[in-house]
């Protein structure tokens, strides 16, 4: 196809460099996330409520990296944005953006999972079984699939096509005023979700800390449990922080009449192609690639840092079964 809008992509060193980077990063992410999925599918001991959400998260990461980056962004970067028609750009971008929102919902579900386990341990084993969690996760993604279909049909009808630019090396929503209203509330909803995640995780961490302060335990037991829960808390914070960084680099300050939406888009600080690639593509891809890596590193069975992260003492625990039950809901 004729690449009139993006000449010289085949001979542009930056296009080839970015294409190679996206390819390597996507393959790395797909491998990490696939390992998480395989581990959950083949190990009965791994089929807990928490790991089920992580597996669903990994599946979405694989689809985004494979369909969005490897199958769309990389070919367009090398051969030009006219390689595929605008409607093809729009369909794929709509799908991966919808899954991105689904991943944010997964993060919220994980936070709720841990919150209930700490504050309502009695109800956790009853309402957070793998079966119930599967139903909730399936319903959540079913809604995302519905929105995918609705948005694709609506965008096609109104010719509202988001497209990838092989010049700026990132994707852009259409600038047609008829289509822009759909993007106005994205930042506010995402911000509220991230704030909710932070508050829930802080409450969970405070609950753990206060329990340690109020319960007499053997010093080794205290250190072991503090270390493990600090690790779990760190995993959640790192994953949430990745989405916060991506959001900061993605959204921009917009003006609609006299209203200012304080939505920072750092890629507006420069029009340099390398900068727009970093803000609009690199950080987004890294969120999904390293999400799988983080899931691996904090998985007790898969972690390469098992000896450092999941140290277990050979000394028998002095904490009674009743104390453990009050402290943590049993993972099912």
C-alpha atoms as a PDB file:
ATOM      1  CA  UNK A   1       0.000   0.000   0.000  1.00  0.00           C
ATOM      2  CA  UNK A   2       1.135   3.546  -0.678  1.00  0.00           C
ATOM      3  CA  UNK A   3       2.748   5.225   2.337  1.00  0.00           C
ATOM      4  CA  UNK A   4       2.170   8.812   1.248  1.00  0.00           C
ATOM      5  CA  UNK A   5       1.564  10.072   4.787  1.00  0.00           C
ATOM      6  CA  UNK A   6       4.666   8.491   6.275  1.00  0.00           C
ATOM      7  CA  UNK A   7       7.530   8.390   3.757  1.00  0.00           C
ATOM      8  CA  UNK A   8      10.927   6.845   4.369  1.00  0.00           C
ATOM      9  CA  UNK A   9       9.823   4.547   7.203  1.00  0.00           C
ATOM     10  CA  UNK A  10      11.795   1.684   5.659  1.00  0.00           C
ATOM     11  CA  UNK A  11      15.006   3.723   5.746  1.00  0.00           C
ATOM     12  CA  UNK A  12      14.427   5.699   8.942  1.00  0.00           C
ATOM     13  CA  UNK A  13      16.832   4.507  11.704  1.00  0.00           C
ATOM     14  CA  UNK A  14      14.484   5.683  14.470  1.00  0.00           C
ATOM     15  CA  UNK A  15      11.586   3.676  13.043  1.00  0.00           C
ATOM     16  CA  UNK A  16      13.701   0.524  12.919  1.00  0.00           C
ATOM     17  CA  UNK A  17      15.100   1.115  16.411  1.00  0.00           C
ATOM     18  CA  UNK A  18      11.643   1.613  17.898  1.00  0.00           C
ATOM     19  CA  UNK A  19      10.234  -1.384  16.017  1.00  0.00           C
ATOM     20  CA  UNK A  20      13.010  -3.630  17.334  1.00  0.00           C
ATOM     21  CA  UNK A  21      12.514  -2.322  20.860  1.00  0.00           C
ATOM     22  CA  UNK A  22       8.745  -2.920  20.730  1.00  0.00           C
ATOM     23  CA  UNK A  23       9.281  -6.425  19.367  1.00  0.00           C
ATOM     24  CA  UNK A  24      11.794  -7.449  22.042  1.00  0.00           C
ATOM     25  CA  UNK A  25       9.767  -5.867  24.837  1.00  0.00           C
ATOM     26  CA  UNK A  26       6.533  -7.494  23.647  1.00  0.00           C
ATOM     27  CA  UNK A  27       8.114 -10.949  23.361  1.00  0.00           C
ATOM     28  CA  UNK A  28       9.606 -10.569  26.848  1.00  0.00           C
ATOM     29  CA  UNK A  29       6.208  -9.603  28.247  1.00  0.00           C
ATOM     30  CA  UNK A  30       4.357 -12.380  26.429  1.00  0.00           C
ATOM     31  CA  UNK A  31       6.809 -14.982  27.761  1.00  0.00           C
ATOM     32  CA  UNK A  32       6.493 -13.732  31.365  1.00  0.00           C
ATOM     33  CA  UNK A  33       2.695 -13.558  31.237  1.00  0.00           C
ATOM     34  CA  UNK A  34       2.412 -16.933  29.518  1.00  0.00           C
ATOM     35  CA  UNK A  35       4.443 -18.509  32.325  1.00  0.00           C
ATOM     36  CA  UNK A  36       1.941 -17.103  34.840  1.00  0.00           C
ATOM     37  CA  UNK A  37      -0.969 -18.547  32.847  1.00  0.00           C
ATOM     38  CA  UNK A  38       0.734 -21.936  32.457  1.00  0.00           C
ATOM     39  CA  UNK A  39       1.622 -22.050  36.147  1.00  0.00           C
ATOM     40  CA  UNK A  40      -1.990 -21.407  37.133  1.00  0.00           C
ATOM     41  CA  UNK A  41      -3.377 -23.936  34.637  1.00  0.00           C
ATOM     42  CA  UNK A  42      -1.014 -26.799  35.496  1.00  0.00           C
ATOM     43  CA  UNK A  43      -0.543 -26.458  39.263  1.00  0.00           C
ATOM     44  CA  UNK A  44      -3.618 -27.203  41.433  1.00  0.00           C
ATOM     45  CA  UNK A  45      -1.960 -25.544  44.425  1.00  0.00           C
ATOM     46  CA  UNK A  46      -1.759 -22.286  42.471  1.00  0.00           C
ATOM     47  CA  UNK A  47      -5.500 -22.142  41.757  1.00  0.00           C
ATOM     48  CA  UNK A  48      -6.397 -19.709  44.489  1.00  0.00           C
ATOM     49  CA  UNK A  49      -8.776 -16.791  44.256  1.00  0.00           C
ATOM     50  CA  UNK A  50      -5.881 -14.316  44.169  1.00  0.00           C
ATOM     51  CA  UNK A  51      -3.925 -16.224  41.506  1.00  0.00           C
ATOM     52  CA  UNK A  52      -7.046 -16.532  39.361  1.00  0.00           C
ATOM     53  CA  UNK A  53      -7.214 -12.744  39.075  1.00  0.00           C
ATOM     54  CA  UNK A  54      -3.492 -12.630  38.290  1.00  0.00           C
ATOM     55  CA  UNK A  55      -3.964 -15.244  35.534  1.00  0.00           C
ATOM     56  CA  UNK A  56      -6.806 -13.220  34.001  1.00  0.00           C
ATOM     57  CA  UNK A  57      -4.564 -10.185  34.148  1.00  0.00           C
ATOM     58  CA  UNK A  58      -1.788 -12.101  32.389  1.00  0.00           C
ATOM     59  CA  UNK A  59      -4.152 -13.228  29.592  1.00  0.00           C
ATOM     60  CA  UNK A  60      -5.178  -9.624  28.918  1.00  0.00           C
ATOM     61  CA  UNK A  61      -1.510  -8.572  28.881  1.00  0.00           C
ATOM     62  CA  UNK A  62      -0.707 -11.234  26.265  1.00  0.00           C
ATOM     63  CA  UNK A  63      -3.563 -10.079  24.010  1.00  0.00           C
ATOM     64  CA  UNK A  64      -2.567  -6.416  24.293  1.00  0.00           C
ATOM     65  CA  UNK A  65       1.113  -7.102  23.586  1.00  0.00           C
ATOM     66  CA  UNK A  66       0.423  -9.557  20.761  1.00  0.00           C
ATOM     67  CA  UNK A  67      -2.504  -7.880  19.011  1.00  0.00           C
ATOM     68  CA  UNK A  68      -1.655  -4.250  19.696  1.00  0.00           C
ATOM     69  CA  UNK A  69       2.120  -4.009  19.617  1.00  0.00           C
ATOM     70  CA  UNK A  70       3.419  -6.993  17.629  1.00  0.00           C
ATOM     71  CA  UNK A  71       0.578  -7.217  15.097  1.00  0.00           C
ATOM     72  CA  UNK A  72      -0.223  -3.528  14.631  1.00  0.00           C
ATOM     73  CA  UNK A  73       2.295  -0.999  15.940  1.00  0.00           C
ATOM     74  CA  UNK A  74       5.453  -2.808  14.787  1.00  0.00           C
ATOM     75  CA  UNK A  75       4.352  -3.368  11.136  1.00  0.00           C
ATOM     76  CA  UNK A  76       3.009   0.196  10.909  1.00  0.00           C
ATOM     77  CA  UNK A  77       6.256   1.585  12.290  1.00  0.00           C
ATOM     78  CA  UNK A  78       8.303  -0.192   9.616  1.00  0.00           C
ATOM     79  CA  UNK A  79       6.005  -0.055   6.594  1.00  0.00           C
ATOM     80  CA  UNK A  80       4.038   3.117   7.282  1.00  0.00           C
ATOM     81  CA  UNK A  81       0.644   3.899   8.749  1.00  0.00           C
ATOM     82  CA  UNK A  82      -1.150   3.270   5.442  1.00  0.00           C
ATOM     83  CA  UNK A  83      -0.262  -0.424   5.588  1.00  0.00           C
ATOM     84  CA  UNK A  84      -3.701  -0.998   7.133  1.00  0.00           C
ATOM     85  CA  UNK A  85      -6.870   1.073   6.644  1.00  0.00           C
ATOM     86  CA  UNK A  86      -7.946   3.444   9.457  1.00  0.00           C
ATOM     87  CA  UNK A  87     -10.811   1.168  10.457  1.00  0.00           C
ATOM     88  CA  UNK A  88      -8.298  -1.614  11.182  1.00  0.00           C
ATOM     89  CA  UNK A  89      -6.269   0.751  13.382  1.00  0.00           C
ATOM     90  CA  UNK A  90      -9.422   1.777  15.216  1.00  0.00           C
ATOM     91  CA  UNK A  91     -10.689  -1.763  15.874  1.00  0.00           C
ATOM     92  CA  UNK A  92      -7.398  -2.994  17.340  1.00  0.00           C
ATOM     93  CA  UNK A  93      -6.812   0.166  19.395  1.00  0.00           C
ATOM     94  CA  UNK A  94     -10.370  -0.003  20.742  1.00  0.00           C
ATOM     95  CA  UNK A  95      -9.886  -3.643  21.785  1.00  0.00           C
ATOM     96  CA  UNK A  96      -6.570  -3.120  23.579  1.00  0.00           C
ATOM     97  CA  UNK A  97      -7.758   0.073  25.280  1.00  0.00           C
ATOM     98  CA  UNK A  98     -10.841  -1.748  26.555  1.00  0.00           C
ATOM     99  CA  UNK A  99      -8.644  -4.562  27.891  1.00  0.00           C
ATOM    100  CA  UNK A 100      -6.415  -1.927  29.519  1.00  0.00           C
ATOM    101  CA  UNK A 101      -9.453  -0.721  31.440  1.00  0.00           C
ATOM    102  CA  UNK A 102     -10.232  -4.334  32.325  1.00  0.00           C
ATOM    103  CA  UNK A 103      -6.739  -4.670  33.797  1.00  0.00           C
ATOM    104  CA  UNK A 104      -7.332  -1.639  35.988  1.00  0.00           C
ATOM    105  CA  UNK A 105     -10.518  -3.326  37.200  1.00  0.00           C
ATOM    106  CA  UNK A 106      -8.480  -6.465  37.955  1.00  0.00           C
ATOM    107  CA  UNK A 107      -6.170  -4.363  40.112  1.00  0.00           C
ATOM    108  CA  UNK A 108      -9.174  -3.053  42.009  1.00  0.00           C
ATOM    109  CA  UNK A 109     -10.513  -6.599  42.439  1.00  0.00           C
ATOM    110  CA  UNK A 110      -7.129  -7.719  43.834  1.00  0.00           C
ATOM    111  CA  UNK A 111      -7.183  -4.843  46.325  1.00  0.00           C
ATOM    112  CA  UNK A 112     -10.722  -5.766  47.412  1.00  0.00           C
ATOM    113  CA  UNK A 113      -9.636  -9.401  47.705  1.00  0.00           C
ATOM    114  CA  UNK A 114      -6.871  -8.531  50.161  1.00  0.00           C
ATOM    115  CA  UNK A 115      -8.992  -5.955  51.990  1.00  0.00           C
ATOM    116  CA  UNK A 116     -11.755  -8.479  52.708  1.00  0.00           C
ATOM    117  CA  UNK A 117      -9.172 -11.092  53.720  1.00  0.00           C
ATOM    118  CA  UNK A 118      -7.820  -8.699  56.362  1.00  0.00           C
ATOM    119  CA  UNK A 119     -10.952  -6.979  57.666  1.00  0.00           C
ATOM    120  CA  UNK A 120     -13.637  -9.622  57.084  1.00  0.00           C
ATOM    121  CA  UNK A 121     -11.758 -12.906  57.358  1.00  0.00           C
ATOM    122  CA  UNK A 122     -14.929 -14.857  58.196  1.00  0.00           C
ATOM    123  CA  UNK A 123     -16.613 -13.811  54.946  1.00  0.00           C
ATOM    124  CA  UNK A 124     -13.503 -14.219  52.787  1.00  0.00           C
ATOM    125  CA  UNK A 125     -13.553 -18.021  52.613  1.00  0.00           C
ATOM    126  CA  UNK A 126     -17.253 -17.913  51.781  1.00  0.00           C
ATOM    127  CA  UNK A 127     -17.420 -15.139  49.198  1.00  0.00           C
ATOM    128  CA  UNK A 128     -13.917 -15.168  47.685  1.00  0.00           C
ATOM    129  CA  UNK A 129     -13.703 -18.777  46.560  1.00  0.00           C
ATOM    130  CA  UNK A 130     -12.128 -19.431  43.147  1.00  0.00           C
ATOM    131  CA  UNK A 131     -15.615 -20.077  41.742  1.00  0.00           C
ATOM    132  CA  UNK A 132     -17.023 -16.755  42.947  1.00  0.00           C
ATOM    133  CA  UNK A 133     -13.887 -14.922  41.817  1.00  0.00           C
ATOM    134  CA  UNK A 134     -14.155 -16.566  38.376  1.00  0.00           C
ATOM    135  CA  UNK A 135     -17.753 -15.399  38.041  1.00  0.00           C
ATOM    136  CA  UNK A 136     -16.839 -11.833  39.028  1.00  0.00           C
ATOM    137  CA  UNK A 137     -13.831 -11.743  36.702  1.00  0.00           C
ATOM    138  CA  UNK A 138     -15.785 -13.290  33.820  1.00  0.00           C
ATOM    139  CA  UNK A 139     -18.623 -10.787  34.292  1.00  0.00           C
ATOM    140  CA  UNK A 140     -16.151  -7.911  34.340  1.00  0.00           C
ATOM    141  CA  UNK A 141     -14.494  -8.968  31.086  1.00  0.00           C
ATOM    142  CA  UNK A 142     -17.863  -9.818  29.527  1.00  0.00           C
ATOM    143  CA  UNK A 143     -18.803  -6.186  30.043  1.00  0.00           C
ATOM    144  CA  UNK A 144     -15.493  -5.134  28.476  1.00  0.00           C
ATOM    145  CA  UNK A 145     -16.267  -7.295  25.415  1.00  0.00           C
ATOM    146  CA  UNK A 146     -19.696  -5.667  25.182  1.00  0.00           C
ATOM    147  CA  UNK A 147     -18.085  -2.221  25.272  1.00  0.00           C
ATOM    148  CA  UNK A 148     -15.578  -3.290  22.624  1.00  0.00           C
ATOM    149  CA  UNK A 149     -18.378  -4.276  20.273  1.00  0.00           C
ATOM    150  CA  UNK A 150     -20.421  -1.178  21.030  1.00  0.00           C
ATOM    151  CA  UNK A 151     -17.486   1.209  20.571  1.00  0.00           C
ATOM    152  CA  UNK A 152     -16.335  -0.473  17.356  1.00  0.00           C
ATOM    153  CA  UNK A 153     -19.806  -0.220  15.810  1.00  0.00           C
ATOM    154  CA  UNK A 154     -20.302   3.352  17.046  1.00  0.00           C
ATOM    155  CA  UNK A 155     -16.862   4.491  15.881  1.00  0.00           C
ATOM    156  CA  UNK A 156     -17.363   2.910  12.474  1.00  0.00           C
ATOM    157  CA  UNK A 157     -20.769   4.559  12.082  1.00  0.00           C
ATOM    158  CA  UNK A 158     -19.455   8.003  13.062  1.00  0.00           C
ATOM    159  CA  UNK A 159     -16.066   7.525  11.356  1.00  0.00           C
ATOM    160  CA  UNK A 160     -14.294   8.144  14.675  1.00  0.00           C
ATOM    161  CA  UNK A 161     -11.055   6.305  14.043  1.00  0.00           C
ATOM    162  CA  UNK A 162      -8.113   6.276  16.437  1.00  0.00           C
ATOM    163  CA  UNK A 163      -4.985   5.681  14.386  1.00  0.00           C
ATOM    164  CA  UNK A 164      -1.295   4.930  14.863  1.00  0.00           C
ATOM    165  CA  UNK A 165       1.207   7.418  13.414  1.00  0.00           C
ATOM    166  CA  UNK A 166       4.422   6.043  11.968  1.00  0.00           C
ATOM    167  CA  UNK A 167       5.794   9.599  12.135  1.00  0.00           C
ATOM    168  CA  UNK A 168       5.148  10.261  15.839  1.00  0.00           C
ATOM    169  CA  UNK A 169       5.398   6.545  16.689  1.00  0.00           C
ATOM    170  CA  UNK A 170       2.305   6.503  18.869  1.00  0.00           C
ATOM    171  CA  UNK A 171      -1.462   6.349  18.467  1.00  0.00           C
ATOM    172  CA  UNK A 172      -3.830   9.312  18.498  1.00  0.00           C
ATOM    173  CA  UNK A 173      -7.589   9.606  18.926  1.00  0.00           C
ATOM    174  CA  UNK A 174      -9.389  11.359  16.111  1.00  0.00           C
ATOM    175  CA  UNK A 175      -9.439  15.152  16.287  1.00  0.00           C
ATOM    176  CA  UNK A 176     -12.954  15.361  14.918  1.00  0.00           C
ATOM    177  CA  UNK A 177     -14.988  17.473  17.422  1.00  0.00           C
ATOM    178  CA  UNK A 178     -17.883  15.010  17.068  1.00  0.00           C
ATOM    179  CA  UNK A 179     -15.771  12.270  18.569  1.00  0.00           C
ATOM    180  CA  UNK A 180     -13.792  14.065  21.272  1.00  0.00           C
ATOM    181  CA  UNK A 181     -16.458  14.020  23.999  1.00  0.00           C
ATOM    182  CA  UNK A 182     -15.868  10.299  24.542  1.00  0.00           C
ATOM    183  CA  UNK A 183     -12.379  11.008  25.901  1.00  0.00           C
ATOM    184  CA  UNK A 184     -13.290  13.795  28.339  1.00  0.00           C
ATOM    185  CA  UNK A 185     -14.104  11.644  31.380  1.00  0.00           C
ATOM    186  CA  UNK A 186     -11.399   9.003  30.938  1.00  0.00           C
ATOM    187  CA  UNK A 187      -8.891  10.738  33.185  1.00  0.00           C
ATOM    188  CA  UNK A 188     -11.401  11.420  35.981  1.00  0.00           C
ATOM    189  CA  UNK A 189     -12.573   7.796  36.095  1.00  0.00           C
ATOM    190  CA  UNK A 190      -9.030   6.449  36.015  1.00  0.00           C
ATOM    191  CA  UNK A 191      -7.928   8.859  38.733  1.00  0.00           C
ATOM    192  CA  UNK A 192     -10.824   7.856  40.994  1.00  0.00           C
ATOM    193  CA  UNK A 193      -9.973   4.190  40.462  1.00  0.00           C
ATOM    194  CA  UNK A 194      -6.295   4.719  41.315  1.00  0.00           C
ATOM    195  CA  UNK A 195      -7.173   6.786  44.397  1.00  0.00           C
ATOM    196  CA  UNK A 196      -9.537   4.026  45.518  1.00  0.00           C
ATOM    197  CA  UNK A 197      -6.789   1.433  45.026  1.00  0.00           C
ATOM    198  CA  UNK A 198      -4.307   3.431  47.079  1.00  0.00           C
ATOM    199  CA  UNK A 199      -6.780   3.958  49.936  1.00  0.00           C
ATOM    200  CA  UNK A 200      -7.755   0.285  50.071  1.00  0.00           C
ATOM    201  CA  UNK A 201      -4.128  -0.860  50.014  1.00  0.00           C
ATOM    202  CA  UNK A 202      -3.143   1.603  52.737  1.00  0.00           C
ATOM    203  CA  UNK A 203      -6.020   0.390  54.920  1.00  0.00           C
ATOM    204  CA  UNK A 204      -4.915  -3.218  54.379  1.00  0.00           C
ATOM    205  CA  UNK A 205      -1.317  -2.432  55.240  1.00  0.00           C
ATOM    206  CA  UNK A 206      -2.314  -0.499  58.379  1.00  0.00           C
ATOM    207  CA  UNK A 207      -4.447  -3.444  59.478  1.00  0.00           C
ATOM    208  CA  UNK A 208      -1.450  -5.785  59.113  1.00  0.00           C
ATOM    209  CA  UNK A 209       0.846  -3.382  60.962  1.00  0.00           C
ATOM    210  CA  UNK A 210      -1.559  -2.843  63.862  1.00  0.00           C
ATOM    211  CA  UNK A 211      -2.085  -6.572  64.224  1.00  0.00           C
ATOM    212  CA  UNK A 212       1.646  -7.122  64.577  1.00  0.00           C
ATOM    213  CA  UNK A 213       1.853  -4.348  67.163  1.00  0.00           C
ATOM    214  CA  UNK A 214      -0.975  -5.773  69.255  1.00  0.00           C
ATOM    215  CA  UNK A 215      -0.055  -9.480  69.093  1.00  0.00           C
ATOM    216  CA  UNK A 216       2.759 -11.179  70.948  1.00  0.00           C
ATOM    217  CA  UNK A 217       4.774 -13.431  68.664  1.00  0.00           C
ATOM    218  CA  UNK A 218       8.180 -14.988  68.512  1.00  0.00           C
ATOM    219  CA  UNK A 219      10.571 -12.425  67.010  1.00  0.00           C
ATOM    220  CA  UNK A 220      11.456 -14.664  64.062  1.00  0.00           C
ATOM    221  CA  UNK A 221       7.794 -15.194  63.292  1.00  0.00           C
ATOM    222  CA  UNK A 222       7.161 -11.462  63.371  1.00  0.00           C
ATOM    223  CA  UNK A 223      10.046 -10.776  61.005  1.00  0.00           C
ATOM    224  CA  UNK A 224       8.946 -13.502  58.616  1.00  0.00           C
ATOM    225  CA  UNK A 225       5.344 -12.314  58.449  1.00  0.00           C
ATOM    226  CA  UNK A 226       6.239  -8.641  58.229  1.00  0.00           C
ATOM    227  CA  UNK A 227       8.609  -9.458  55.392  1.00  0.00           C
ATOM    228  CA  UNK A 228       6.052 -11.500  53.457  1.00  0.00           C
ATOM    229  CA  UNK A 229       3.277  -8.937  53.815  1.00  0.00           C
ATOM    230  CA  UNK A 230       5.635  -6.109  52.948  1.00  0.00           C
ATOM    231  CA  UNK A 231       6.425  -8.013  49.754  1.00  0.00           C
ATOM    232  CA  UNK A 232       2.739  -8.483  48.913  1.00  0.00           C
ATOM    233  CA  UNK A 233       2.050  -4.838  49.641  1.00  0.00           C
ATOM    234  CA  UNK A 234       5.032  -3.808  47.499  1.00  0.00           C
ATOM    235  CA  UNK A 235       3.757  -5.908  44.585  1.00  0.00           C
ATOM    236  CA  UNK A 236       0.418  -4.105  44.591  1.00  0.00           C
ATOM    237  CA  UNK A 237       1.980  -0.663  44.953  1.00  0.00           C
ATOM    238  CA  UNK A 238       4.471  -1.290  42.124  1.00  0.00           C
ATOM    239  CA  UNK A 239       1.714  -2.455  39.776  1.00  0.00           C
ATOM    240  CA  UNK A 240      -0.568   0.455  40.690  1.00  0.00           C
ATOM    241  CA  UNK A 241       2.325   2.895  40.337  1.00  0.00           C
ATOM    242  CA  UNK A 242       3.018   1.618  36.820  1.00  0.00           C
ATOM    243  CA  UNK A 243      -0.533   2.522  35.786  1.00  0.00           C
ATOM    244  CA  UNK A 244      -0.260   5.914  37.494  1.00  0.00           C
ATOM    245  CA  UNK A 245       2.934   6.694  35.558  1.00  0.00           C
ATOM    246  CA  UNK A 246       1.349   5.557  32.306  1.00  0.00           C
ATOM    247  CA  UNK A 247      -1.675   7.760  32.995  1.00  0.00           C
ATOM    248  CA  UNK A 248       0.524  10.795  33.729  1.00  0.00           C
ATOM    249  CA  UNK A 249       2.312  10.415  30.401  1.00  0.00           C
ATOM    250  CA  UNK A 250      -0.852   9.691  28.432  1.00  0.00           C
ATOM    251  CA  UNK A 251      -3.395  12.355  29.299  1.00  0.00           C
ATOM    252  CA  UNK A 252      -3.072  16.019  28.551  1.00  0.00           C
ATOM    253  CA  UNK A 253      -4.268  19.404  29.756  1.00  0.00           C
ATOM    254  CA  UNK A 254      -7.372  20.203  27.745  1.00  0.00           C
ATOM    255  CA  UNK A 255      -9.580  23.240  27.585  1.00  0.00           C
ATOM    256  CA  UNK A 256     -13.269  22.964  26.779  1.00  0.00           C
ATOM    257  CA  UNK A 257     -14.753  26.480  26.751  1.00  0.00           C
ATOM    258  CA  UNK A 258     -13.803  27.881  30.191  1.00  0.00           C
ATOM    259  CA  UNK A 259     -13.361  24.529  31.916  1.00  0.00           C
ATOM    260  CA  UNK A 260      -9.893  23.129  32.528  1.00  0.00           C
ATOM    261  CA  UNK A 261      -9.449  19.415  32.896  1.00  0.00           C
ATOM    262  CA  UNK A 262      -6.246  19.029  34.875  1.00  0.00           C
ATOM    263  CA  UNK A 263      -5.132  16.008  32.969  1.00  0.00           C
ATOM    264  CA  UNK A 264      -1.400  16.183  32.435  1.00  0.00           C
ATOM    265  CA  UNK A 265       0.005  14.869  29.209  1.00  0.00           C
ATOM    266  CA  UNK A 266       3.753  14.995  29.368  1.00  0.00           C
ATOM    267  CA  UNK A 267       4.133  14.162  25.701  1.00  0.00           C
ATOM    268  CA  UNK A 268       2.908  17.703  24.946  1.00  0.00           C
ATOM    269  CA  UNK A 269       6.153  19.026  26.395  1.00  0.00           C
ATOM    270  CA  UNK A 270       7.898  18.174  23.154  1.00  0.00           C
ATOM    271  CA  UNK A 271       7.028  17.202  19.585  1.00  0.00           C
ATOM    272  CA  UNK A 272      10.241  15.226  19.163  1.00  0.00           C
ATOM    273  CA  UNK A 273       9.464  11.787  17.738  1.00  0.00           C
ATOM    274  CA  UNK A 274      11.559   9.978  20.337  1.00  0.00           C
ATOM    275  CA  UNK A 275       9.681  11.793  23.113  1.00  0.00           C
ATOM    276  CA  UNK A 276       6.200  11.001  21.743  1.00  0.00           C
ATOM    277  CA  UNK A 277       7.311   7.380  21.299  1.00  0.00           C
ATOM    278  CA  UNK A 278       8.481   7.256  24.920  1.00  0.00           C
ATOM    279  CA  UNK A 279       5.313   8.840  26.337  1.00  0.00           C
ATOM    280  CA  UNK A 280       2.698   7.251  24.124  1.00  0.00           C
ATOM    281  CA  UNK A 281       4.097   3.804  23.358  1.00  0.00           C
ATOM    282  CA  UNK A 282       7.117   2.722  25.438  1.00  0.00           C
ATOM    283  CA  UNK A 283       5.593   3.335  28.853  1.00  0.00           C
ATOM    284  CA  UNK A 284       2.287   1.762  27.846  1.00  0.00           C
ATOM    285  CA  UNK A 285       3.993  -1.360  26.503  1.00  0.00           C
ATOM    286  CA  UNK A 286       6.255  -1.620  29.545  1.00  0.00           C
ATOM    287  CA  UNK A 287       3.216  -1.575  31.835  1.00  0.00           C
ATOM    288  CA  UNK A 288       1.978  -4.840  30.294  1.00  0.00           C
ATOM    289  CA  UNK A 289       5.384  -6.431  29.734  1.00  0.00           C
ATOM    290  CA  UNK A 290       6.685  -5.797  33.233  1.00  0.00           C
ATOM    291  CA  UNK A 291       3.322  -6.568  34.815  1.00  0.00           C
ATOM    292  CA  UNK A 292       3.951 -10.199  33.874  1.00  0.00           C
ATOM    293  CA  UNK A 293       7.518  -9.958  35.162  1.00  0.00           C
ATOM    294  CA  UNK A 294       6.306  -8.535  38.485  1.00  0.00           C
ATOM    295  CA  UNK A 295       3.733 -11.320  38.793  1.00  0.00           C
ATOM    296  CA  UNK A 296       6.544 -13.837  38.294  1.00  0.00           C
ATOM    297  CA  UNK A 297       8.893 -12.214  40.785  1.00  0.00           C
ATOM    298  CA  UNK A 298       6.239 -12.157  43.509  1.00  0.00           C
ATOM    299  CA  UNK A 299       4.998 -15.681  42.841  1.00  0.00           C
ATOM    300  CA  UNK A 300       6.410 -17.999  45.509  1.00  0.00           C
ATOM    301  CA  UNK A 301       6.745 -20.894  43.068  1.00  0.00           C
ATOM    302  CA  UNK A 302       8.223 -18.991  40.111  1.00  0.00           C
ATOM    303  CA  UNK A 303      10.289 -16.192  41.632  1.00  0.00           C
ATOM    304  CA  UNK A 304      13.982 -16.125  40.742  1.00  0.00           C
ATOM    305  CA  UNK A 305      14.472 -14.336  44.072  1.00  0.00           C
ATOM    306  CA  UNK A 306      12.718 -17.042  46.056  1.00  0.00           C
ATOM    307  CA  UNK A 307      15.432 -17.336  48.710  1.00  0.00           C
ATOM    308  CA  UNK A 308      15.433 -13.588  49.294  1.00  0.00           C
ATOM    309  CA  UNK A 309      11.721 -12.829  49.050  1.00  0.00           C
ATOM    310  CA  UNK A 310      10.176 -15.941  50.553  1.00  0.00           C
ATOM    311  CA  UNK A 311      12.488 -16.884  53.381  1.00  0.00           C
ATOM    312  CA  UNK A 312      10.997 -19.523  55.623  1.00  0.00           C
ATOM    313  CA  UNK A 313      12.374 -20.311  59.028  1.00  0.00           C
ATOM    314  CA  UNK A 314      12.943 -23.872  60.105  1.00  0.00           C
ATOM    315  CA  UNK A 315      11.954 -22.888  63.645  1.00  0.00           C
ATOM    316  CA  UNK A 316       8.428 -24.060  64.489  1.00  0.00           C
ATOM    317  CA  UNK A 317       5.944 -21.248  64.655  1.00  0.00           C
ATOM    318  CA  UNK A 318       4.742 -20.198  68.087  1.00  0.00           C
ATOM    319  CA  UNK A 319       1.566 -18.662  66.745  1.00  0.00           C
ATOM    320  CA  UNK A 320      -1.575 -20.659  67.290  1.00  0.00           C
ATOM    321  CA  UNK A 321      -3.985 -21.665  64.539  1.00  0.00           C
ATOM    322  CA  UNK A 322      -6.594 -19.395  66.054  1.00  0.00           C
ATOM    323  CA  UNK A 323      -4.217 -16.444  65.837  1.00  0.00           C
ATOM    324  CA  UNK A 324      -3.502 -17.143  62.173  1.00  0.00           C
ATOM    325  CA  UNK A 325      -7.229 -17.294  61.462  1.00  0.00           C
ATOM    326  CA  UNK A 326      -7.778 -13.924  63.120  1.00  0.00           C
ATOM    327  CA  UNK A 327      -4.842 -12.470  61.248  1.00  0.00           C
ATOM    328  CA  UNK A 328      -5.439 -13.722  57.727  1.00  0.00           C
ATOM    329  CA  UNK A 329      -8.287 -15.411  55.955  1.00  0.00           C
ATOM    330  CA  UNK A 330      -7.236 -18.763  54.577  1.00  0.00           C
ATOM    331  CA  UNK A 331      -6.517 -18.500  50.851  1.00  0.00           C
ATOM    332  CA  UNK A 332      -8.841 -20.718  48.862  1.00  0.00           C
END
